[in-house]
Amino acid sequence: MRIYDEVAKEKPPGGRVFAVSIPNWSVVPAAREYGDPERIRDLTDTFNDIAREEADKRGFGWIDITAASLSGLGTPGWIASDGLHPGDNQYAAWAEVIWHSVRQ
């Protein structure tokens, strides 16, 4: 994971680095345009597992926003009008999870 290696080189002594998971986007309306939603979910989970392992190896914190990406599914503003990207309410949910993790 080249980006992790580059960040690790630049990390100041005593500084903290966090990696954030990819959200579960297999449930959004446009997901089917990119393949089977179950396969998308499996690939996303696999990516996140590897990304977390690599973060752990370098002493980075890990922030999993998967549950937050699903918590408001079906509510207005959760998915952007393009049917693919998160809406403002979902971004706010992610921010809450991230903020909770970094302020500790």
PDB file of N, CA and C in Angstrom:
ATOM      1  N   MET A   1       0.837  -1.170   0.000  1.00  0.00           N
ATOM      2  CA  MET A   1       0.000   0.000   0.000  1.00  0.00           C
ATOM      3  C   MET A   1       0.887   1.240   0.000  1.00  0.00           C
ATOM      4  N   ARG A   2       1.178   1.661  -1.166  1.00  0.00           N
ATOM      5  CA  ARG A   2       2.130   2.744  -1.344  1.00  0.00           C
ATOM      6  C   ARG A   2       1.727   4.023  -0.605  1.00  0.00           C
ATOM      7  N   ILE A   3       0.461   4.362  -0.649  1.00  0.00           N
ATOM      8  CA  ILE A   3       0.052   5.610   0.000  1.00  0.00           C
ATOM      9  C   ILE A   3       0.312   5.542   1.505  1.00  0.00           C
ATOM     10  N   TYR A   4       0.089   4.395   2.110  1.00  0.00           N
ATOM     11  CA  TYR A   4       0.368   4.249   3.547  1.00  0.00           C
ATOM     12  C   TYR A   4       1.859   4.437   3.817  1.00  0.00           C
ATOM     13  N   ASP A   5       2.683   3.874   2.950  1.00  0.00           N
ATOM     14  CA  ASP A   5       4.128   4.018   3.133  1.00  0.00           C
ATOM     15  C   ASP A   5       4.548   5.487   3.037  1.00  0.00           C
ATOM     16  N   GLU A   6       3.982   6.211   2.088  1.00  0.00           N
ATOM     17  CA  GLU A   6       4.315   7.626   1.936  1.00  0.00           C
ATOM     18  C   GLU A   6       3.867   8.429   3.158  1.00  0.00           C
ATOM     19  N   VAL A   7       2.682   8.133   3.647  1.00  0.00           N
ATOM     20  CA  VAL A   7       2.181   8.838   4.836  1.00  0.00           C
ATOM     21  C   VAL A   7       3.058   8.501   6.043  1.00  0.00           C
ATOM     22  N   ALA A   8       3.445   7.238   6.172  1.00  0.00           N
ATOM     23  CA  ALA A   8       4.280   6.822   7.298  1.00  0.00           C
ATOM     24  C   ALA A   8       5.617   7.568   7.301  1.00  0.00           C
ATOM     25  N   LYS A   9       6.162   7.845   6.113  1.00  0.00           N
ATOM     26  CA  LYS A   9       7.429   8.582   6.009  1.00  0.00           C
ATOM     27  C   LYS A   9       7.289  10.010   6.516  1.00  0.00           C
ATOM     28  N   GLU A  10       6.132  10.599   6.293  1.00  0.00           N
ATOM     29  CA  GLU A  10       5.903  12.004   6.630  1.00  0.00           C
ATOM     30  C   GLU A  10       5.294  12.205   8.015  1.00  0.00           C
ATOM     31  N   LYS A  11       4.921  11.123   8.662  1.00  0.00           N
ATOM     32  CA  LYS A  11       4.260  11.222   9.963  1.00  0.00           C
ATOM     33  C   LYS A  11       5.200  11.853  10.991  1.00  0.00           C
ATOM     34  N   PRO A  12       4.779  12.950  11.598  1.00  0.00           N
ATOM     35  CA  PRO A  12       5.639  13.581  12.607  1.00  0.00           C
ATOM     36  C   PRO A  12       5.711  12.727  13.867  1.00  0.00           C
ATOM     37  N   PRO A  13       6.806  12.797  14.597  1.00  0.00           N
ATOM     38  CA  PRO A  13       6.909  12.032  15.844  1.00  0.00           C
ATOM     39  C   PRO A  13       5.746  12.391  16.771  1.00  0.00           C
ATOM     40  N   GLY A  14       5.113  11.377  17.297  1.00  0.00           N
ATOM     41  CA  GLY A  14       3.990  11.600  18.198  1.00  0.00           C
ATOM     42  C   GLY A  14       2.699  11.949  17.482  1.00  0.00           C
ATOM     43  N   GLY A  15       2.742  12.097  16.156  1.00  0.00           N
ATOM     44  CA  GLY A  15       1.546  12.423  15.386  1.00  0.00           C
ATOM     45  C   GLY A  15       0.658  11.204  15.208  1.00  0.00           C
ATOM     46  N   ARG A  16      -0.588  11.466  14.957  1.00  0.00           N
ATOM     47  CA  ARG A  16      -1.530  10.364  14.747  1.00  0.00           C
ATOM     48  C   ARG A  16      -2.009  10.378  13.302  1.00  0.00           C
ATOM     49  N   VAL A  17      -2.171   9.180  12.764  1.00  0.00           N
ATOM     50  CA  VAL A  17      -2.677   9.015  11.405  1.00  0.00           C
ATOM     51  C   VAL A  17      -3.843   8.039  11.474  1.00  0.00           C
ATOM     52  N   PHE A  18      -4.896   8.353  10.742  1.00  0.00           N
ATOM     53  CA  PHE A  18      -6.062   7.482  10.679  1.00  0.00           C
ATOM     54  C   PHE A  18      -6.361   7.140   9.234  1.00  0.00           C
ATOM     55  N   ALA A  19      -6.762   5.912   9.014  1.00  0.00           N
ATOM     56  CA  ALA A  19      -7.269   5.482   7.714  1.00  0.00           C
ATOM     57  C   ALA A  19      -8.767   5.242   7.886  1.00  0.00           C
ATOM     58  N   VAL A  20      -9.532   5.570   6.862  1.00  0.00           N
ATOM     59  CA  VAL A  20     -10.988   5.449   6.916  1.00  0.00           C
ATOM     60  C   VAL A  20     -11.437   4.428   5.877  1.00  0.00           C
ATOM     61  N   SER A  21     -12.331   3.557   6.282  1.00  0.00           N
ATOM     62  CA  SER A  21     -12.833   2.524   5.371  1.00  0.00           C
ATOM     63  C   SER A  21     -13.614   3.117   4.212  1.00  0.00           C
ATOM     64  N   ILE A  22     -13.803   2.299   3.200  1.00  0.00           N
ATOM     65  CA  ILE A  22     -14.706   2.635   2.112  1.00  0.00           C
ATOM     66  C   ILE A  22     -16.104   2.264   2.594  1.00  0.00           C
ATOM     67  N   PRO A  23     -17.084   3.131   2.381  1.00  0.00           N
ATOM     68  CA  PRO A  23     -18.446   2.809   2.822  1.00  0.00           C
ATOM     69  C   PRO A  23     -19.052   1.682   1.994  1.00  0.00           C
ATOM     70  N   ASN A  24     -20.107   1.115   2.509  1.00  0.00           N
ATOM     71  CA  ASN A  24     -20.824   0.082   1.760  1.00  0.00           C
ATOM     72  C   ASN A  24     -21.727   0.761   0.735  1.00  0.00           C
ATOM     73  N   TRP A  25     -21.295   0.808  -0.495  1.00  0.00           N
ATOM     74  CA  TRP A  25     -22.086   1.453  -1.535  1.00  0.00           C
ATOM     75  C   TRP A  25     -22.843   0.442  -2.383  1.00  0.00           C
ATOM     76  N   SER A  26     -22.781  -0.825  -2.009  1.00  0.00           N
ATOM     77  CA  SER A  26     -23.486  -1.858  -2.779  1.00  0.00           C
ATOM     78  C   SER A  26     -25.002  -1.713  -2.704  1.00  0.00           C
ATOM     79  N   VAL A  27     -25.492  -0.935  -1.759  1.00  0.00           N
ATOM     80  CA  VAL A  27     -26.934  -0.790  -1.561  1.00  0.00           C
ATOM     81  C   VAL A  27     -27.533   0.425  -2.279  1.00  0.00           C
ATOM     82  N   VAL A  28     -26.704   1.255  -2.893  1.00  0.00           N
ATOM     83  CA  VAL A  28     -27.225   2.453  -3.562  1.00  0.00           C
ATOM     84  C   VAL A  28     -27.875   2.070  -4.890  1.00  0.00           C
ATOM     85  N   PRO A  29     -28.837   2.853  -5.355  1.00  0.00           N
ATOM     86  CA  PRO A  29     -29.542   2.509  -6.591  1.00  0.00           C
ATOM     87  C   PRO A  29     -28.631   2.275  -7.796  1.00  0.00           C
ATOM     88  N   ALA A  30     -27.569   3.033  -7.936  1.00  0.00           N
ATOM     89  CA  ALA A  30     -26.697   2.915  -9.109  1.00  0.00           C
ATOM     90  C   ALA A  30     -25.698   1.764  -9.028  1.00  0.00           C
ATOM     91  N   ALA A  31     -25.646   1.066  -7.909  1.00  0.00           N
ATOM     92  CA  ALA A  31     -24.653  -0.009  -7.749  1.00  0.00           C
ATOM     93  C   ALA A  31     -24.766  -1.065  -8.841  1.00  0.00           C
ATOM     94  N   ARG A  32     -25.976  -1.390  -9.244  1.00  0.00           N
ATOM     95  CA  ARG A  32     -26.171  -2.437 -10.262  1.00  0.00           C
ATOM     96  C   ARG A  32     -25.496  -2.094 -11.595  1.00  0.00           C
ATOM     97  N   GLU A  33     -25.275  -0.823 -11.839  1.00  0.00           N
ATOM     98  CA  GLU A  33     -24.569  -0.425 -13.065  1.00  0.00           C
ATOM     99  C   GLU A  33     -23.106  -0.871 -13.032  1.00  0.00           C
ATOM    100  N   TYR A  34     -22.604  -1.209 -11.853  1.00  0.00           N
ATOM    101  CA  TYR A  34     -21.200  -1.588 -11.670  1.00  0.00           C
ATOM    102  C   TYR A  34     -21.027  -3.070 -11.364  1.00  0.00           C
ATOM    103  N   GLY A  35     -22.129  -3.813 -11.358  1.00  0.00           N
ATOM    104  CA  GLY A  35     -22.052  -5.240 -11.112  1.00  0.00           C
ATOM    105  C   GLY A  35     -23.047  -5.691 -10.061  1.00  0.00           C
ATOM    106  N   ASP A  36     -22.944  -6.945  -9.719  1.00  0.00           N
ATOM    107  CA  ASP A  36     -23.824  -7.543  -8.719  1.00  0.00           C
ATOM    108  C   ASP A  36     -23.568  -6.909  -7.354  1.00  0.00           C
ATOM    109  N   PRO A  37     -24.593  -6.379  -6.707  1.00  0.00           N
ATOM    110  CA  PRO A  37     -24.389  -5.732  -5.405  1.00  0.00           C
ATOM    111  C   PRO A  37     -23.713  -6.629  -4.357  1.00  0.00           C
ATOM    112  N   GLU A  38     -24.012  -7.918  -4.369  1.00  0.00           N
ATOM    113  CA  GLU A  38     -23.361  -8.815  -3.402  1.00  0.00           C
ATOM    114  C   GLU A  38     -21.861  -8.900  -3.675  1.00  0.00           C
ATOM    115  N   ARG A  39     -21.491  -8.956  -4.939  1.00  0.00           N
ATOM    116  CA  ARG A  39     -20.066  -8.987  -5.292  1.00  0.00           C
ATOM    117  C   ARG A  39     -19.393  -7.661  -4.932  1.00  0.00           C
ATOM    118  N   ILE A  40     -20.077  -6.551  -5.170  1.00  0.00           N
ATOM    119  CA  ILE A  40     -19.531  -5.245  -4.792  1.00  0.00           C
ATOM    120  C   ILE A  40     -19.287  -5.210  -3.287  1.00  0.00           C
ATOM    121  N   ARG A  41     -20.237  -5.706  -2.516  1.00  0.00           N
ATOM    122  CA  ARG A  41     -20.088  -5.719  -1.057  1.00  0.00           C
ATOM    123  C   ARG A  41     -18.902  -6.593  -0.655  1.00  0.00           C
ATOM    124  N   ASP A  42     -18.786  -7.774  -1.252  1.00  0.00           N
ATOM    125  CA  ASP A  42     -17.668  -8.668  -0.938  1.00  0.00           C
ATOM    126  C   ASP A  42     -16.325  -8.017  -1.272  1.00  0.00           C
ATOM    127  N   LEU A  43     -16.237  -7.383  -2.437  1.00  0.00           N
ATOM    128  CA  LEU A  43     -14.984  -6.724  -2.829  1.00  0.00           C
ATOM    129  C   LEU A  43     -14.661  -5.555  -1.898  1.00  0.00           C
ATOM    130  N   THR A  44     -15.675  -4.806  -1.515  1.00  0.00           N
ATOM    131  CA  THR A  44     -15.464  -3.684  -0.601  1.00  0.00           C
ATOM    132  C   THR A  44     -14.997  -4.191   0.758  1.00  0.00           C
ATOM    133  N   ASP A  45     -15.623  -5.245   1.251  1.00  0.00           N
ATOM    134  CA  ASP A  45     -15.209  -5.821   2.536  1.00  0.00           C
ATOM    135  C   ASP A  45     -13.772  -6.325   2.479  1.00  0.00           C
ATOM    136  N   THR A  46     -13.417  -6.975   1.370  1.00  0.00           N
ATOM    137  CA  THR A  46     -12.049  -7.476   1.205  1.00  0.00           C
ATOM    138  C   THR A  46     -11.062  -6.314   1.171  1.00  0.00           C
ATOM    139  N   PHE A  47     -11.385  -5.274   0.416  1.00  0.00           N
ATOM    140  CA  PHE A  47     -10.517  -4.099   0.366  1.00  0.00           C
ATOM    141  C   PHE A  47     -10.338  -3.516   1.763  1.00  0.00           C
ATOM    142  N   ASN A  48     -11.444  -3.348   2.480  1.00  0.00           N
ATOM    143  CA  ASN A  48     -11.366  -2.773   3.822  1.00  0.00           C
ATOM    144  C   ASN A  48     -10.556  -3.644   4.778  1.00  0.00           C
ATOM    145  N   ASP A  49     -10.691  -4.961   4.665  1.00  0.00           N
ATOM    146  CA  ASP A  49      -9.898  -5.856   5.515  1.00  0.00           C
ATOM    147  C   ASP A  49      -8.402  -5.663   5.270  1.00  0.00           C
ATOM    148  N   ILE A  50      -8.023  -5.591   4.004  1.00  0.00           N
ATOM    149  CA  ILE A  50      -6.611  -5.403   3.660  1.00  0.00           C
ATOM    150  C   ILE A  50      -6.139  -4.019   4.091  1.00  0.00           C
ATOM    151  N   ALA A  51      -6.950  -3.007   3.849  1.00  0.00           N
ATOM    152  CA  ALA A  51      -6.575  -1.642   4.229  1.00  0.00           C
ATOM    153  C   ALA A  51      -6.389  -1.532   5.739  1.00  0.00           C
ATOM    154  N   ARG A  52      -7.238  -2.198   6.493  1.00  0.00           N
ATOM    155  CA  ARG A  52      -7.101  -2.161   7.953  1.00  0.00           C
ATOM    156  C   ARG A  52      -5.816  -2.868   8.395  1.00  0.00           C
ATOM    157  N   GLU A  53      -5.542  -4.028   7.816  1.00  0.00           N
ATOM    158  CA  GLU A  53      -4.295  -4.752   8.130  1.00  0.00           C
ATOM    159  C   GLU A  53      -3.080  -3.873   7.883  1.00  0.00           C
ATOM    160  N   GLU A  54      -3.071  -3.217   6.733  1.00  0.00           N
ATOM    161  CA  GLU A  54      -1.943  -2.364   6.372  1.00  0.00           C
ATOM    162  C   GLU A  54      -1.843  -1.159   7.317  1.00  0.00           C
ATOM    163  N   ALA A  55      -2.969  -0.595   7.690  1.00  0.00           N
ATOM    164  CA  ALA A  55      -2.958   0.512   8.650  1.00  0.00           C
ATOM    165  C   ALA A  55      -2.408   0.037   9.987  1.00  0.00           C
ATOM    166  N   ASP A  56      -2.873  -1.115  10.449  1.00  0.00           N
ATOM    167  CA  ASP A  56      -2.394  -1.670  11.722  1.00  0.00           C
ATOM    168  C   ASP A  56      -0.885  -1.900  11.706  1.00  0.00           C
ATOM    169  N   LYS A  57      -0.361  -2.411  10.582  1.00  0.00           N
ATOM    170  CA  LYS A  57       1.079  -2.664  10.460  1.00  0.00           C
ATOM    171  C   LYS A  57       1.906  -1.405  10.674  1.00  0.00           C
ATOM    172  N   ARG A  58       1.326  -0.273  10.299  1.00  0.00           N
ATOM    173  CA  ARG A  58       2.057   0.991  10.384  1.00  0.00           C
ATOM    174  C   ARG A  58       1.699   1.808  11.624  1.00  0.00           C
ATOM    175  N   GLY A  59       0.863   1.251  12.461  1.00  0.00           N
ATOM    176  CA  GLY A  59       0.469   1.955  13.680  1.00  0.00           C
ATOM    177  C   GLY A  59      -0.545   3.067  13.455  1.00  0.00           C
ATOM    178  N   PHE A  60      -1.240   3.015  12.330  1.00  0.00           N
ATOM    179  CA  PHE A  60      -2.280   3.995  12.046  1.00  0.00           C
ATOM    180  C   PHE A  60      -3.577   3.558  12.736  1.00  0.00           C
ATOM    181  N   GLY A  61      -4.396   4.523  13.101  1.00  0.00           N
ATOM    182  CA  GLY A  61      -5.722   4.203  13.595  1.00  0.00           C
ATOM    183  C   GLY A  61      -6.618   3.798  12.432  1.00  0.00           C
ATOM    184  N   TRP A  62      -7.665   3.075  12.736  1.00  0.00           N
ATOM    185  CA  TRP A  62      -8.607   2.643  11.709  1.00  0.00           C
ATOM    186  C   TRP A  62      -9.994   3.131  12.088  1.00  0.00           C
ATOM    187  N   ILE A  63     -10.681   3.732  11.146  1.00  0.00           N
ATOM    188  CA  ILE A  63     -12.044   4.210  11.369  1.00  0.00           C
ATOM    189  C   ILE A  63     -12.948   3.527  10.353  1.00  0.00           C
ATOM    190  N   ASP A  64     -13.870   2.742  10.862  1.00  0.00           N
ATOM    191  CA  ASP A  64     -14.783   1.991  10.008  1.00  0.00           C
ATOM    192  C   ASP A  64     -16.110   2.746   9.922  1.00  0.00           C
ATOM    193  N   ILE A  65     -16.435   3.233   8.726  1.00  0.00           N
ATOM    194  CA  ILE A  65     -17.684   3.964   8.540  1.00  0.00           C
ATOM    195  C   ILE A  65     -18.772   3.110   7.884  1.00  0.00           C
ATOM    196  N   THR A  66     -18.533   1.801   7.794  1.00  0.00           N
ATOM    197  CA  THR A  66     -19.485   0.924   7.112  1.00  0.00           C
ATOM    198  C   THR A  66     -20.865   0.993   7.750  1.00  0.00           C
ATOM    199  N   ALA A  67     -20.953   0.818   9.054  1.00  0.00           N
ATOM    200  CA  ALA A  67     -22.264   0.845   9.723  1.00  0.00           C
ATOM    201  C   ALA A  67     -22.922   2.208   9.536  1.00  0.00           C
ATOM    202  N   ALA A  68     -22.135   3.268   9.623  1.00  0.00           N
ATOM    203  CA  ALA A  68     -22.690   4.613   9.437  1.00  0.00           C
ATOM    204  C   ALA A  68     -23.213   4.798   8.020  1.00  0.00           C
ATOM    205  N   SER A  69     -22.579   4.147   7.048  1.00  0.00           N
ATOM    206  CA  SER A  69     -23.018   4.305   5.659  1.00  0.00           C
ATOM    207  C   SER A  69     -24.373   3.654   5.408  1.00  0.00           C
ATOM    208  N   LEU A  70     -24.791   2.792   6.311  1.00  0.00           N
ATOM    209  CA  LEU A  70     -26.071   2.092   6.171  1.00  0.00           C
ATOM    210  C   LEU A  70     -27.141   2.593   7.136  1.00  0.00           C
ATOM    211  N   SER A  71     -26.733   3.353   8.128  1.00  0.00           N
ATOM    212  CA  SER A  71     -27.632   3.670   9.240  1.00  0.00           C
ATOM    213  C   SER A  71     -28.858   4.490   8.853  1.00  0.00           C
ATOM    214  N   GLY A  72     -28.785   5.270   7.799  1.00  0.00           N
ATOM    215  CA  GLY A  72     -29.926   6.088   7.401  1.00  0.00           C
ATOM    216  C   GLY A  72     -30.505   5.704   6.057  1.00  0.00           C
ATOM    217  N   LEU A  73     -30.166   4.507   5.613  1.00  0.00           N
ATOM    218  CA  LEU A  73     -30.622   4.054   4.304  1.00  0.00           C
ATOM    219  C   LEU A  73     -32.141   4.202   4.192  1.00  0.00           C
ATOM    220  N   GLY A  74     -32.564   4.805   3.108  1.00  0.00           N
ATOM    221  CA  GLY A  74     -33.989   4.997   2.861  1.00  0.00           C
ATOM    222  C   GLY A  74     -34.533   6.332   3.346  1.00  0.00           C
ATOM    223  N   THR A  75     -33.723   7.090   4.051  1.00  0.00           N
ATOM    224  CA  THR A  75     -34.183   8.397   4.516  1.00  0.00           C
ATOM    225  C   THR A  75     -33.796   9.479   3.510  1.00  0.00           C
ATOM    226  N   PRO A  76     -34.585  10.543   3.440  1.00  0.00           N
ATOM    227  CA  PRO A  76     -34.273  11.622   2.494  1.00  0.00           C
ATOM    228  C   PRO A  76     -32.884  12.214   2.753  1.00  0.00           C
ATOM    229  N   GLY A  77     -32.181  12.486   1.670  1.00  0.00           N
ATOM    230  CA  GLY A  77     -30.860  13.096   1.768  1.00  0.00           C
ATOM    231  C   GLY A  77     -29.739  12.120   2.059  1.00  0.00           C
ATOM    232  N   TRP A  78     -30.050  10.837   2.139  1.00  0.00           N
ATOM    233  CA  TRP A  78     -29.008   9.850   2.449  1.00  0.00           C
ATOM    234  C   TRP A  78     -28.145   9.546   1.234  1.00  0.00           C
ATOM    235  N   ILE A  79     -28.781   9.480   0.068  1.00  0.00           N
ATOM    236  CA  ILE A  79     -28.073   9.221  -1.188  1.00  0.00           C
ATOM    237  C   ILE A  79     -28.254  10.459  -2.067  1.00  0.00           C
ATOM    238  N   ALA A  80     -27.190  10.858  -2.753  1.00  0.00           N
ATOM    239  CA  ALA A  80     -27.258  12.015  -3.653  1.00  0.00           C
ATOM    240  C   ALA A  80     -28.210  11.723  -4.808  1.00  0.00           C
ATOM    241  N   SER A  81     -28.603  12.754  -5.493  1.00  0.00           N
ATOM    242  CA  SER A  81     -29.572  12.612  -6.588  1.00  0.00           C
ATOM    243  C   SER A  81     -29.057  11.751  -7.737  1.00  0.00           C
ATOM    244  N   ASP A  82     -27.746  11.548  -7.834  1.00  0.00           N
ATOM    245  CA  ASP A  82     -27.216  10.689  -8.899  1.00  0.00           C
ATOM    246  C   ASP A  82     -27.396   9.206  -8.596  1.00  0.00           C
ATOM    247  N   GLY A  83     -27.888   8.874  -7.404  1.00  0.00           N
ATOM    248  CA  GLY A  83     -28.133   7.483  -7.044  1.00  0.00           C
ATOM    249  C   GLY A  83     -26.896   6.689  -6.711  1.00  0.00           C
ATOM    250  N   LEU A  84     -25.749   7.339  -6.677  1.00  0.00           N
ATOM    251  CA  LEU A  84     -24.486   6.646  -6.422  1.00  0.00           C
ATOM    252  C   LEU A  84     -23.752   7.200  -5.201  1.00  0.00           C
ATOM    253  N   HIS A  85     -23.628   8.492  -5.141  1.00  0.00           N
ATOM    254  CA  HIS A  85     -22.816   9.107  -4.093  1.00  0.00           C
ATOM    255  C   HIS A  85     -23.617   9.367  -2.825  1.00  0.00           C
ATOM    256  N   PRO A  86     -22.912   9.494  -1.709  1.00  0.00           N
ATOM    257  CA  PRO A  86     -23.597   9.810  -0.453  1.00  0.00           C
ATOM    258  C   PRO A  86     -24.233  11.203  -0.522  1.00  0.00           C
ATOM    259  N   GLY A  87     -25.328  11.344   0.188  1.00  0.00           N
ATOM    260  CA  GLY A  87     -25.949  12.653   0.346  1.00  0.00           C
ATOM    261  C   GLY A  87     -25.378  13.340   1.578  1.00  0.00           C
ATOM    262  N   ASP A  88     -25.786  14.566   1.790  1.00  0.00           N
ATOM    263  CA  ASP A  88     -25.277  15.348   2.911  1.00  0.00           C
ATOM    264  C   ASP A  88     -25.504  14.664   4.258  1.00  0.00           C
ATOM    265  N   ASN A  89     -26.653  14.022   4.425  1.00  0.00           N
ATOM    266  CA  ASN A  89     -26.942  13.370   5.707  1.00  0.00           C
ATOM    267  C   ASN A  89     -25.995  12.194   5.969  1.00  0.00           C
ATOM    268  N   GLN A  90     -25.651  11.490   4.921  1.00  0.00           N
ATOM    269  CA  GLN A  90     -24.708  10.379   5.100  1.00  0.00           C
ATOM    270  C   GLN A  90     -23.311  10.909   5.418  1.00  0.00           C
ATOM    271  N   TYR A  91     -22.896  11.951   4.724  1.00  0.00           N
ATOM    272  CA  TYR A  91     -21.600  12.546   5.046  1.00  0.00           C
ATOM    273  C   TYR A  91     -21.563  13.016   6.497  1.00  0.00           C
ATOM    274  N   ALA A  92     -22.657  13.552   6.965  1.00  0.00           N
ATOM    275  CA  ALA A  92     -22.723  13.995   8.364  1.00  0.00           C
ATOM    276  C   ALA A  92     -22.574  12.809   9.315  1.00  0.00           C
ATOM    277  N   ALA A  93     -23.170  11.677   8.970  1.00  0.00           N
ATOM    278  CA  ALA A  93     -23.041  10.477   9.807  1.00  0.00           C
ATOM    279  C   ALA A  93     -21.601   9.985   9.825  1.00  0.00           C
ATOM    280  N   TRP A  94     -20.945  10.012   8.675  1.00  0.00           N
ATOM    281  CA  TRP A  94     -19.537   9.622   8.623  1.00  0.00           C
ATOM    282  C   TRP A  94     -18.703  10.557   9.487  1.00  0.00           C
ATOM    283  N   ALA A  95     -18.960  11.847   9.341  1.00  0.00           N
ATOM    284  CA  ALA A  95     -18.187  12.839  10.097  1.00  0.00           C
ATOM    285  C   ALA A  95     -18.319  12.608  11.597  1.00  0.00           C
ATOM    286  N   GLU A  96     -19.483  12.222  12.029  1.00  0.00           N
ATOM    287  CA  GLU A  96     -19.707  11.958  13.454  1.00  0.00           C
ATOM    288  C   GLU A  96     -18.843  10.779  13.920  1.00  0.00           C
ATOM    289  N   VAL A  97     -18.807   9.721  13.124  1.00  0.00           N
ATOM    290  CA  VAL A  97     -17.990   8.544  13.462  1.00  0.00           C
ATOM    291  C   VAL A  97     -16.509   8.920  13.457  1.00  0.00           C
ATOM    292  N   ILE A  98     -16.088   9.639  12.447  1.00  0.00           N
ATOM    293  CA  ILE A  98     -14.679  10.038  12.345  1.00  0.00           C
ATOM    294  C   ILE A  98     -14.310  10.955  13.503  1.00  0.00           C
ATOM    295  N   TRP A  99     -15.135  11.938  13.784  1.00  0.00           N
ATOM    296  CA  TRP A  99     -14.852  12.870  14.877  1.00  0.00           C
ATOM    297  C   TRP A  99     -14.755  12.130  16.203  1.00  0.00           C
ATOM    298  N   HIS A 100     -15.653  11.219  16.450  1.00  0.00           N
ATOM    299  CA  HIS A 100     -15.624  10.444  17.692  1.00  0.00           C
ATOM    300  C   HIS A 100     -14.289   9.698  17.842  1.00  0.00           C
ATOM    301  N   SER A 101     -13.788   9.162  16.729  1.00  0.00           N
ATOM    302  CA  SER A 101     -12.533   8.413  16.759  1.00  0.00           C
ATOM    303  C   SER A 101     -11.312   9.303  16.969  1.00  0.00           C
ATOM    304  N   VAL A 102     -11.250  10.427  16.301  1.00  0.00           N
ATOM    305  CA  VAL A 102     -10.044  11.249  16.371  1.00  0.00           C
ATOM    306  C   VAL A 102      -9.967  12.091  17.651  1.00  0.00           C
ATOM    307  N   ARG A 103     -11.083  12.364  18.265  1.00  0.00           N
ATOM    308  CA  ARG A 103     -11.037  13.200  19.481  1.00  0.00           C
ATOM    309  C   ARG A 103     -10.642  12.423  20.725  1.00  0.00           C
ATOM    310  N   GLN A 104     -10.550  11.114  20.623  1.00  0.00           N
ATOM    311  CA  GLN A 104     -10.168  10.296  21.785  1.00  0.00           C
ATOM    312  C   GLN A 104      -8.705  10.382  22.059  1.00  0.00           C
TER     313      GLN A 104
END
